[in-house]
Amino acid sequence: MAEERYESDSMGQVAIPGWAYWGAQTQRAVQNFSVSEHRIPKPMIKALGLIKKHAAAANRQTGTIDERLATAIEAACDEVIDGTWDDHFPIDVFQTGSGTSWNMNANELIANRANELLGEPIGQRKPVHPNDHVNRGQSSNDVIPTAIHVANRMELPRLVDAVARLASSLRAKADEFSSVVKIGRTHLQDAVPMTVGQEFDGFAVQMEKNRVRLNQTMANLEELALGGTAVGTGLNAHPQFAATAIDGISTQTGIAFRPAASRFEAIATRDAQVELAGALNTLAVGLMKIANDLRLLASGPRSGLGEIVLPELQPGSSIMPGKVNPVIPEMMIQVAAHTIGKVASITTAGQNGPLELNMMNPLIAYESLSALSLLTESCTAFASRCVDGIAVDAKRCEYWIEWSLALVTPLATRIGYDKAAELAHTAFEQNRTIRDVVTESGLIPEDELARLLDPRTMI
């Protein structure tokens, strides 16, 4: 194959690598936008393949494209869906805000491959033309929002499953530790007793609620802008095009995709992604809270709380022998922080929809899909590499309860708040336990005191 070939567009000829299946407009975008290492997410490539395949099928069924050409386009699209041509999507994420370059990348690649399947050389734009045939009845303005919705919706169940897996792991620990009593803490100060199981129950419910929140975003992602073409009116699209194409996408994916309630809204806004980002943000905040709590509870092991023991996965220091760090919670905290940054990008991008079109579609696609992937993998690792292996140090938990000044709390109903506070202050000043100080005071008989200070009666 020649080192270079030449293809033309409305602006003239462009040199393209001989092996590449993209065309002139894609090559111009490569030259204009090579500013980062970030490229189109693979789920977006698959989504574009699905859209172009079922657009061709719809055009074939409505008689707007010759059956022979449409069949070749559909065959080429199947290869795109399967990932065969992933390396032929070279355009930077940071590009024209409509994502036109990504759409044309798909159009040109599919046209070239369809022509090859028809026995013609690539680069000739015939008999299959990237605009006249592959893009028939479409605009970048409806294709890219549709692809974002399809890609988000196809990837989201993986994250939902990963969050459910993490919730299940936390629930198992809540059950396992249900009988281990420990001291609760508020403001990082001693509070009243609880069980380790109750603490983990809070973590489990937090993740269970996040799973529900993520599921609730699916309905709006299932609305597709396809058929709106440039601004939502459907100019140049057959009246049956959108319904037919969307039905095909729905059938192949098994997802209940449907035409948008308003194609004007679906093209001009990315509210569905902002809603998704809100759920991702809530998840990230929850993951950071749980990961930080596990670090605190496992701190030490001798000079910290040390109530739980995390799995030992690798040496923690190049200078301190025997040191082991909470590496998975620390990974999770960084992922959460990174995700929160992605959410901020999506939020800002969602605001940039002047009049009839959002102008930050590629960034929204990249940030939402990379966040979904990152959270999916990290939640899975958090469950399997950390939570599943957590053990509890029951003796350490018992020690902290006995030394906690918060044990005085149930005495307040027996001797009054002020007297109880006085005894707590005495215990603190003299570095003694509440039990010793109250016994010495003689204010409460020993058998009654034993009952009042039994932490199991306080949970």
Protein backbone atom coordinates (compact mmCIF):
# COMPACT_ATOMS: atom_id res chain seq x y z
CA MET A 1 0.00 0.00 0.00
CA ALA A 2 1.24 3.50 -0.87
CA GLU A 3 2.66 5.58 1.93
CA GLU A 4 0.16 8.32 1.14
CA ARG A 5 -2.99 8.82 -0.87
CA TYR A 6 -4.99 11.95 -1.59
CA GLU A 7 -8.64 12.60 -0.93
CA SER A 8 -10.66 15.72 -1.54
CA ASP A 9 -13.39 17.60 0.26
CA SER A 10 -14.98 21.01 -0.34
CA MET A 11 -11.70 22.69 0.64
CA GLY A 12 -9.45 20.73 -1.70
CA GLN A 13 -7.02 17.81 -1.57
CA VAL A 14 -5.51 16.37 1.60
CA ALA A 15 -2.70 13.83 2.01
CA ILE A 16 -3.75 10.84 4.10
CA PRO A 17 -1.67 7.86 5.32
CA GLY A 18 -2.08 5.07 2.79
CA TRP A 19 -3.20 2.55 5.41
CA ALA A 20 -5.85 4.81 6.94
CA TYR A 21 -9.55 4.29 6.21
CA TRP A 22 -10.55 7.79 7.22
CA GLY A 23 -10.89 10.65 4.73
CA ALA A 24 -10.11 14.28 4.08
CA GLN A 25 -12.25 15.87 6.78
CA THR A 26 -10.87 13.51 9.41
CA GLN A 27 -7.32 14.30 8.34
CA ARG A 28 -7.97 18.03 8.60
CA ALA A 29 -9.27 17.49 12.13
CA VAL A 30 -6.15 15.50 13.04
CA GLN A 31 -4.00 18.39 11.86
CA ASN A 32 -6.11 21.03 13.59
CA PHE A 33 -6.82 19.43 16.95
CA SER A 34 -3.82 17.34 18.04
CA VAL A 35 -3.53 19.03 21.44
CA SER A 36 -3.85 16.10 23.88
CA GLU A 37 -3.45 12.36 24.21
CA HIS A 38 -7.22 11.89 24.63
CA ARG A 39 -9.18 10.24 21.83
CA ILE A 40 -12.77 9.20 21.29
CA PRO A 41 -13.90 6.64 23.92
CA LYS A 42 -14.47 3.16 22.49
CA PRO A 43 -18.12 3.07 23.62
CA MET A 44 -18.69 6.15 21.46
CA ILE A 45 -17.20 4.35 18.45
CA LYS A 46 -19.56 1.43 19.04
CA ALA A 47 -22.50 3.81 19.45
CA LEU A 48 -21.63 5.57 16.19
CA GLY A 49 -21.46 2.20 14.45
CA LEU A 50 -24.91 1.31 15.76
CA ILE A 51 -26.37 4.63 14.68
CA LYS A 52 -24.89 4.50 11.18
CA LYS A 53 -25.93 0.86 10.73
CA HIS A 54 -29.55 1.44 11.61
CA ALA A 55 -29.63 4.76 9.77
CA ALA A 56 -28.61 2.85 6.63
CA ALA A 57 -31.22 0.18 7.33
CA ALA A 58 -33.90 2.84 7.81
CA ASN A 59 -32.88 4.57 4.58
CA ARG A 60 -32.97 1.23 2.79
CA GLN A 61 -36.45 0.49 4.13
CA THR A 62 -37.77 3.92 3.20
CA GLY A 63 -36.22 3.72 -0.25
CA THR A 64 -33.92 6.70 0.17
CA ILE A 65 -30.72 4.66 -0.39
CA ASP A 66 -30.18 1.87 -2.90
CA GLU A 67 -30.36 -1.52 -1.20
CA ARG A 68 -26.93 -2.60 -2.48
CA LEU A 69 -25.23 0.45 -1.02
CA ALA A 70 -27.14 0.30 2.25
CA THR A 71 -26.26 -3.35 2.73
CA ALA A 72 -22.55 -2.60 2.26
CA ILE A 73 -22.80 0.27 4.78
CA GLU A 74 -24.49 -2.01 7.31
CA ALA A 75 -21.76 -4.64 6.88
CA ALA A 76 -19.04 -2.02 7.40
CA CYS A 77 -20.87 -0.75 10.48
CA ASP A 78 -20.93 -4.23 11.99
CA GLU A 79 -17.14 -4.20 11.83
CA VAL A 80 -17.07 -0.80 13.55
CA ILE A 81 -19.38 -2.11 16.27
CA ASP A 82 -17.09 -5.11 16.77
CA GLY A 83 -14.08 -2.82 17.31
CA THR A 84 -12.26 -3.76 14.10
CA TRP A 85 -11.57 -0.13 13.19
CA ASP A 86 -10.94 1.44 16.59
CA ASP A 87 -7.43 2.49 15.53
CA HIS A 88 -8.90 4.50 12.69
CA PHE A 89 -10.53 7.10 14.94
CA PRO A 90 -7.54 9.41 15.49
CA ILE A 91 -9.20 12.74 16.37
CA ASP A 92 -8.55 14.53 19.66
CA VAL A 93 -11.36 14.95 22.19
CA PHE A 94 -10.71 18.69 22.18
CA GLN A 95 -12.15 19.72 18.84
CA THR A 96 -15.17 21.48 17.38
CA GLY A 97 -17.87 21.52 20.05
CA SER A 98 -20.55 19.79 17.99
CA GLY A 99 -18.37 16.72 17.47
CA THR A 100 -18.68 17.12 13.70
CA SER A 101 -15.18 15.72 13.23
CA TRP A 102 -16.08 12.49 15.03
CA ASN A 103 -19.23 12.14 12.95
CA MET A 104 -17.32 12.68 9.72
CA ASN A 105 -14.62 10.27 10.88
CA ALA A 106 -17.30 7.60 11.15
CA ASN A 107 -18.90 8.59 7.85
CA GLU A 108 -15.61 8.50 5.93
CA LEU A 109 -14.34 5.28 7.44
CA ILE A 110 -17.62 3.47 6.89
CA ALA A 111 -17.88 4.77 3.30
CA ASN A 112 -14.36 3.65 2.47
CA ARG A 113 -14.88 0.22 3.98
CA ALA A 114 -18.28 -0.18 2.30
CA ASN A 115 -16.74 0.69 -1.06
CA GLU A 116 -14.00 -1.86 -0.45
CA LEU A 117 -16.63 -4.49 0.33
CA LEU A 118 -18.26 -3.57 -3.00
CA GLY A 119 -14.95 -4.21 -4.78
CA GLU A 120 -13.94 -0.58 -5.19
CA PRO A 121 -10.74 1.13 -3.97
CA ILE A 122 -10.86 3.31 -0.87
CA GLY A 123 -10.51 7.06 -1.18
CA GLN A 124 -12.80 7.51 -4.20
CA ARG A 125 -16.01 8.38 -2.27
CA LYS A 126 -18.02 6.21 -4.67
CA PRO A 127 -20.29 4.44 -5.08
CA VAL A 128 -20.84 5.02 -1.33
CA HIS A 129 -20.43 8.65 -0.35
CA PRO A 130 -19.76 9.59 3.30
CA ASN A 131 -22.30 12.44 3.31
CA ASP A 132 -24.85 11.43 0.67
CA HIS A 133 -25.21 7.86 1.91
CA VAL A 134 -23.63 7.12 5.31
CA ASN A 135 -24.87 10.43 6.76
CA ARG A 136 -28.23 10.41 4.94
CA GLY A 137 -31.04 11.83 7.10
CA GLN A 138 -28.59 12.90 9.78
CA SER A 139 -26.51 15.81 11.06
CA SER A 140 -23.60 15.84 13.47
CA ASN A 141 -25.96 17.87 15.67
CA ASP A 142 -28.29 14.92 16.25
CA VAL A 143 -25.85 12.04 15.71
CA ILE A 144 -23.33 13.02 18.40
CA PRO A 145 -25.92 13.65 21.16
CA THR A 146 -27.53 10.34 20.19
CA ALA A 147 -24.19 8.57 20.39
CA ILE A 148 -23.49 10.05 23.82
CA HIS A 149 -26.85 8.81 25.10
CA VAL A 150 -26.42 5.36 23.58
CA ALA A 151 -22.86 4.99 24.88
CA ASN A 152 -23.71 6.24 28.39
CA ARG A 153 -26.75 3.98 28.58
CA MET A 154 -24.87 0.90 27.37
CA GLU A 155 -22.01 1.44 29.83
CA LEU A 156 -24.06 2.42 32.88
CA PRO A 157 -25.24 -1.12 33.84
CA ARG A 158 -21.62 -2.16 34.37
CA LEU A 159 -21.22 0.55 36.99
CA VAL A 160 -24.57 -0.31 38.57
CA ASP A 161 -23.40 -3.93 38.90
CA ALA A 162 -20.06 -2.84 40.39
CA VAL A 163 -21.80 -0.63 42.97
CA ALA A 164 -24.18 -3.48 43.79
CA ARG A 165 -21.16 -5.76 44.24
CA LEU A 166 -19.57 -3.27 46.64
CA ALA A 167 -22.83 -2.84 48.55
CA SER A 168 -23.12 -6.62 48.87
CA SER A 169 -19.57 -6.85 50.21
CA LEU A 170 -20.27 -4.14 52.79
CA ARG A 171 -23.55 -5.83 53.73
CA ALA A 172 -21.73 -9.11 54.34
CA LYS A 173 -19.32 -7.34 56.69
CA ALA A 174 -22.24 -5.67 58.48
CA ASP A 175 -23.66 -9.12 59.17
CA GLU A 176 -20.27 -10.61 60.11
CA PHE A 177 -19.50 -7.84 62.61
CA SER A 178 -23.03 -7.45 64.02
CA SER A 179 -22.09 -8.68 67.51
CA VAL A 180 -18.85 -6.69 67.93
CA VAL A 181 -19.46 -3.64 70.12
CA LYS A 182 -17.31 -0.55 69.64
CA ILE A 183 -17.34 3.12 70.55
CA GLY A 184 -19.05 5.46 68.15
CA ARG A 185 -17.46 8.78 67.29
CA THR A 186 -18.87 12.16 66.30
CA HIS A 187 -16.67 15.20 65.52
CA LEU A 188 -13.84 12.62 65.76
CA GLN A 189 -14.57 12.53 69.51
CA ASP A 190 -15.88 9.64 71.61
CA ALA A 191 -19.66 9.20 71.37
CA VAL A 192 -21.94 6.37 72.52
CA PRO A 193 -21.42 2.67 71.74
CA MET A 194 -22.60 0.93 68.62
CA THR A 195 -21.61 -2.23 66.80
CA VAL A 196 -19.07 -2.51 64.01
CA GLY A 197 -21.90 -4.12 62.07
CA GLN A 198 -24.03 -1.00 62.45
CA GLU A 199 -21.18 1.12 61.15
CA PHE A 200 -20.84 -1.10 58.06
CA ASP A 201 -24.61 -1.13 57.67
CA GLY A 202 -24.40 2.63 57.09
CA PHE A 203 -21.77 2.07 54.40
CA ALA A 204 -23.85 -0.65 52.72
CA VAL A 205 -27.02 1.45 52.61
CA GLN A 206 -25.03 4.38 51.21
CA MET A 207 -23.95 2.23 48.25
CA GLU A 208 -27.40 0.66 47.86
CA LYS A 209 -28.89 4.14 47.52
CA ASN A 210 -26.22 5.07 44.98
CA ARG A 211 -27.21 2.05 42.90
CA VAL A 212 -30.81 3.27 42.90
CA ARG A 213 -29.76 6.81 41.93
CA LEU A 214 -27.75 5.53 38.98
CA ASN A 215 -30.66 3.40 37.78
CA GLN A 216 -32.94 6.42 37.88
CA THR A 217 -30.81 8.25 35.31
CA MET A 218 -31.35 5.57 32.66
CA ALA A 219 -34.78 6.75 31.50
CA ASN A 220 -33.57 10.11 30.21
CA LEU A 221 -30.53 8.53 28.56
CA GLU A 222 -32.91 6.36 26.54
CA GLU A 223 -34.34 9.41 24.71
CA LEU A 224 -32.51 9.93 21.40
CA ALA A 225 -32.11 13.08 19.34
CA LEU A 226 -31.72 11.13 16.07
CA GLY A 227 -34.00 12.49 13.37
CA GLY A 228 -33.73 16.09 14.51
CA THR A 229 -30.89 16.75 12.05
CA ALA A 230 -29.49 20.30 12.39
CA VAL A 231 -31.69 22.02 15.00
CA GLY A 232 -34.53 19.60 15.74
CA THR A 233 -36.85 20.14 12.79
CA GLY A 234 -35.79 16.98 10.96
CA LEU A 235 -34.89 18.78 7.73
CA ASN A 236 -33.66 16.38 4.99
CA ALA A 237 -34.75 13.26 6.92
CA HIS A 238 -37.55 10.95 5.73
CA PRO A 239 -40.60 11.17 8.04
CA GLN A 240 -40.17 7.51 9.05
CA PHE A 241 -36.37 7.63 9.30
CA ALA A 242 -35.96 8.35 13.03
CA ALA A 243 -38.56 5.90 14.32
CA THR A 244 -37.24 3.12 12.09
CA ALA A 245 -33.57 3.71 12.94
CA ILE A 246 -34.19 4.04 16.69
CA ASP A 247 -36.29 0.88 16.70
CA GLY A 248 -33.36 -0.94 15.11
CA ILE A 249 -30.90 0.38 17.71
CA SER A 250 -33.29 -0.63 20.47
CA THR A 251 -33.74 -4.14 19.06
CA GLN A 252 -30.01 -4.77 18.66
CA THR A 253 -29.03 -3.44 22.09
CA GLY A 254 -32.04 -4.73 24.03
CA ILE A 255 -32.45 -1.25 25.52
CA ALA A 256 -35.73 0.66 25.24
CA PHE A 257 -34.39 3.60 23.26
CA ARG A 258 -37.08 5.96 21.97
CA PRO A 259 -37.34 9.24 20.04
CA ALA A 260 -36.79 12.27 22.27
CA ALA A 261 -39.91 14.00 23.59
CA SER A 262 -38.45 17.17 22.04
CA ARG A 263 -35.63 16.91 19.56
CA PHE A 264 -35.01 20.62 20.10
CA GLU A 265 -34.27 19.91 23.78
CA ALA A 266 -32.30 16.79 22.91
CA ILE A 267 -29.96 18.70 20.58
CA ALA A 268 -29.66 21.96 22.52
CA THR A 269 -29.06 20.51 26.00
CA ARG A 270 -27.05 17.81 27.68
CA ASP A 271 -29.25 17.71 30.78
CA ALA A 272 -29.31 13.90 30.79
CA GLN A 273 -25.52 13.88 31.16
CA VAL A 274 -25.67 16.56 33.87
CA GLU A 275 -28.20 14.38 35.71
CA LEU A 276 -25.92 11.36 35.29
CA ALA A 277 -22.98 13.42 36.51
CA GLY A 278 -24.96 14.32 39.63
CA ALA A 279 -25.41 10.62 40.41
CA LEU A 280 -21.71 9.99 39.72
CA ASN A 281 -20.80 12.88 42.00
CA THR A 282 -22.93 11.48 44.83
CA LEU A 283 -21.31 8.09 44.35
CA ALA A 284 -17.81 9.61 44.37
CA VAL A 285 -18.56 11.54 47.56
CA GLY A 286 -19.85 8.38 49.22
CA LEU A 287 -16.85 6.34 48.11
CA MET A 288 -14.48 8.97 49.48
CA LYS A 289 -16.29 9.00 52.83
CA ILE A 290 -16.20 5.20 53.16
CA ALA A 291 -12.57 4.93 52.04
CA ASN A 292 -11.51 7.62 54.51
CA ASP A 293 -13.48 5.96 57.32
CA LEU A 294 -11.82 2.63 56.65
CA ARG A 295 -8.41 4.32 56.79
CA LEU A 296 -9.27 5.87 60.15
CA LEU A 297 -10.69 2.67 61.61
CA ALA A 298 -7.60 0.73 60.50
CA SER A 299 -5.12 3.41 61.54
CA GLY A 300 -2.12 2.39 63.59
CA PRO A 301 -1.94 -0.49 63.89
CA ARG A 302 -0.73 0.33 67.44
CA SER A 303 -0.80 4.10 67.67
CA GLY A 304 -4.13 4.63 65.90
CA LEU A 305 -7.66 3.32 66.27
CA GLY A 306 -6.87 -0.16 64.98
CA GLU A 307 -10.45 -1.42 65.24
CA ILE A 308 -10.39 -3.14 61.86
CA VAL A 309 -7.60 -4.77 59.88
CA LEU A 310 -7.37 -4.23 56.13
CA PRO A 311 -5.88 -6.83 53.79
CA GLU A 312 -2.10 -6.48 53.46
CA LEU A 313 -1.37 -6.14 49.76
CA GLN A 314 2.13 -4.69 49.43
CA PRO A 315 4.97 -3.12 51.43
CA GLY A 316 4.15 0.45 52.34
CA SER A 317 7.52 2.11 52.69
CA SER A 318 10.94 2.12 51.08
CA ILE A 319 12.54 3.14 54.39
CA MET A 320 10.33 1.72 57.19
CA PRO A 321 10.43 -2.10 57.23
CA GLY A 322 7.13 -3.80 58.01
CA LYS A 323 4.97 -0.77 57.26
CA VAL A 324 1.78 -1.56 55.32
CA ASN A 325 -0.44 1.17 53.93
CA PRO A 326 -4.19 1.26 53.15
CA VAL A 327 -3.48 1.26 49.43
CA ILE A 328 -6.93 0.39 48.08
CA PRO A 329 -8.78 3.05 50.11
CA GLU A 330 -6.13 5.55 49.00
CA MET A 331 -6.68 4.51 45.38
CA MET A 332 -10.42 4.94 45.90
CA ILE A 333 -10.01 8.41 47.38
CA GLN A 334 -7.99 9.55 44.36
CA VAL A 335 -10.54 8.08 41.96
CA ALA A 336 -13.30 9.92 43.82
CA ALA A 337 -11.43 13.20 43.62
CA HIS A 338 -10.76 12.69 39.91
CA THR A 339 -14.42 11.88 39.29
CA ILE A 340 -15.57 15.01 41.11
CA GLY A 341 -13.34 16.97 38.73
CA LYS A 342 -14.95 15.25 35.75
CA VAL A 343 -18.38 16.13 37.13
CA ALA A 344 -17.32 19.77 37.33
CA SER A 345 -16.28 19.61 33.65
CA ILE A 346 -19.63 18.10 32.64
CA THR A 347 -21.49 20.72 34.68
CA THR A 348 -19.63 23.56 32.98
CA ALA A 349 -20.02 21.91 29.58
CA GLY A 350 -23.74 21.46 30.11
CA GLN A 351 -24.12 25.20 30.51
CA ASN A 352 -22.55 25.88 27.12
CA GLY A 353 -25.55 25.29 24.91
CA PRO A 354 -26.12 28.65 23.24
CA LEU A 355 -29.49 28.65 21.50
CA GLU A 356 -29.98 25.43 19.48
CA LEU A 357 -26.81 23.37 20.09
CA ASN A 358 -24.52 22.39 22.94
CA MET A 359 -20.96 23.28 22.00
CA MET A 360 -19.04 20.94 24.31
CA ASN A 361 -20.34 17.54 23.22
CA PRO A 362 -16.95 15.83 22.80
CA LEU A 363 -15.84 16.82 26.30
CA ILE A 364 -19.14 15.64 27.79
CA ALA A 365 -18.79 12.32 25.98
CA TYR A 366 -15.21 11.83 27.16
CA GLU A 367 -15.74 12.86 30.78
CA SER A 368 -18.95 10.90 31.30
CA LEU A 369 -17.68 7.69 29.71
CA SER A 370 -14.25 7.81 31.34
CA ALA A 371 -15.90 8.42 34.72
CA LEU A 372 -18.21 5.43 34.21
CA SER A 373 -15.28 3.20 33.31
CA LEU A 374 -13.04 4.42 36.13
CA LEU A 375 -15.72 4.07 38.79
CA THR A 376 -16.70 0.62 37.52
CA GLU A 377 -13.17 -0.75 37.78
CA SER A 378 -12.37 0.94 41.10
CA CYS A 379 -15.60 -0.11 42.84
CA THR A 380 -14.91 -3.69 41.78
CA ALA A 381 -11.35 -3.49 43.12
CA PHE A 382 -12.52 -1.79 46.33
CA ALA A 383 -14.87 -4.70 47.02
CA SER A 384 -12.60 -7.58 46.03
CA ARG A 385 -9.20 -6.22 47.11
CA CYS A 386 -10.25 -4.49 50.31
CA VAL A 387 -13.72 -4.87 51.80
CA ASP A 388 -13.99 -8.64 51.28
CA GLY A 389 -10.83 -9.16 53.34
CA ILE A 390 -11.52 -6.79 56.26
CA ALA A 391 -11.22 -8.32 59.74
CA VAL A 392 -12.21 -6.80 63.08
CA ASP A 393 -10.10 -6.52 66.25
CA ALA A 394 -12.75 -7.13 68.91
CA LYS A 395 -10.32 -6.69 71.82
CA ARG A 396 -9.24 -3.30 70.52
CA CYS A 397 -12.88 -2.25 70.19
CA GLU A 398 -13.55 -3.37 73.78
CA TYR A 399 -10.50 -1.45 75.02
CA TRP A 400 -11.64 1.83 73.48
CA ILE A 401 -15.13 1.46 74.93
CA GLU A 402 -13.82 0.92 78.44
CA TRP A 403 -11.61 3.98 78.24
CA SER A 404 -14.22 6.20 76.62
CA LEU A 405 -15.64 9.06 78.66
CA ALA A 406 -18.84 8.72 76.65
CA LEU A 407 -19.79 5.75 78.88
CA VAL A 408 -21.00 8.34 81.36
CA THR A 409 -23.96 9.18 79.08
CA PRO A 410 -26.51 6.67 80.49
CA LEU A 411 -25.64 7.82 84.06
CA ALA A 412 -27.07 11.26 83.33
CA THR A 413 -30.62 9.95 83.70
CA ARG A 414 -29.72 8.49 87.11
CA ILE A 415 -27.55 11.20 88.76
CA GLY A 416 -28.20 14.21 86.47
CA TYR A 417 -26.29 15.79 83.64
CA ASP A 418 -24.13 18.10 85.76
CA LYS A 419 -22.93 15.37 88.14
CA ALA A 420 -22.26 13.02 85.24
CA ALA A 421 -20.21 15.74 83.53
CA GLU A 422 -18.25 16.30 86.75
CA LEU A 423 -17.39 12.60 86.97
CA ALA A 424 -16.33 12.54 83.31
CA HIS A 425 -14.04 15.51 83.92
CA THR A 426 -12.52 13.78 86.95
CA ALA A 427 -11.90 10.60 84.95
CA PHE A 428 -10.21 12.61 82.21
CA GLU A 429 -8.01 14.63 84.60
CA GLN A 430 -6.92 11.55 86.54
CA ASN A 431 -6.52 9.33 83.45
CA ARG A 432 -8.94 6.74 84.84
CA THR A 433 -11.99 4.97 83.49
CA ILE A 434 -15.54 6.15 84.15
CA ARG A 435 -16.24 2.84 85.84
CA ASP A 436 -13.42 3.38 88.41
CA VAL A 437 -14.40 6.97 89.22
CA VAL A 438 -18.14 6.24 89.63
CA THR A 439 -17.44 3.14 91.74
CA GLU A 440 -15.18 5.20 94.01
CA SER A 441 -17.83 7.93 94.34
CA GLY A 442 -20.35 5.47 95.82
CA LEU A 443 -23.19 7.28 94.05
CA ILE A 444 -24.51 4.15 92.37
CA PRO A 445 -24.51 0.56 93.72
CA GLU A 446 -22.04 -1.68 91.91
CA ASP A 447 -24.65 -4.06 90.51
CA GLU A 448 -26.68 -1.18 89.09
CA LEU A 449 -23.53 0.48 87.77
CA ALA A 450 -22.53 -2.72 85.98
CA ARG A 451 -25.91 -2.73 84.23
CA LEU A 452 -25.81 0.95 83.34
CA LEU A 453 -22.27 0.73 81.95
CA ASP A 454 -22.86 -2.42 79.91
CA PRO A 455 -22.28 -1.12 76.36
CA ARG A 456 -24.62 -3.73 74.89
CA THR A 457 -27.54 -2.03 76.57
CA MET A 458 -26.72 1.20 74.71
CA ILE A 459 -26.85 -0.04 71.10
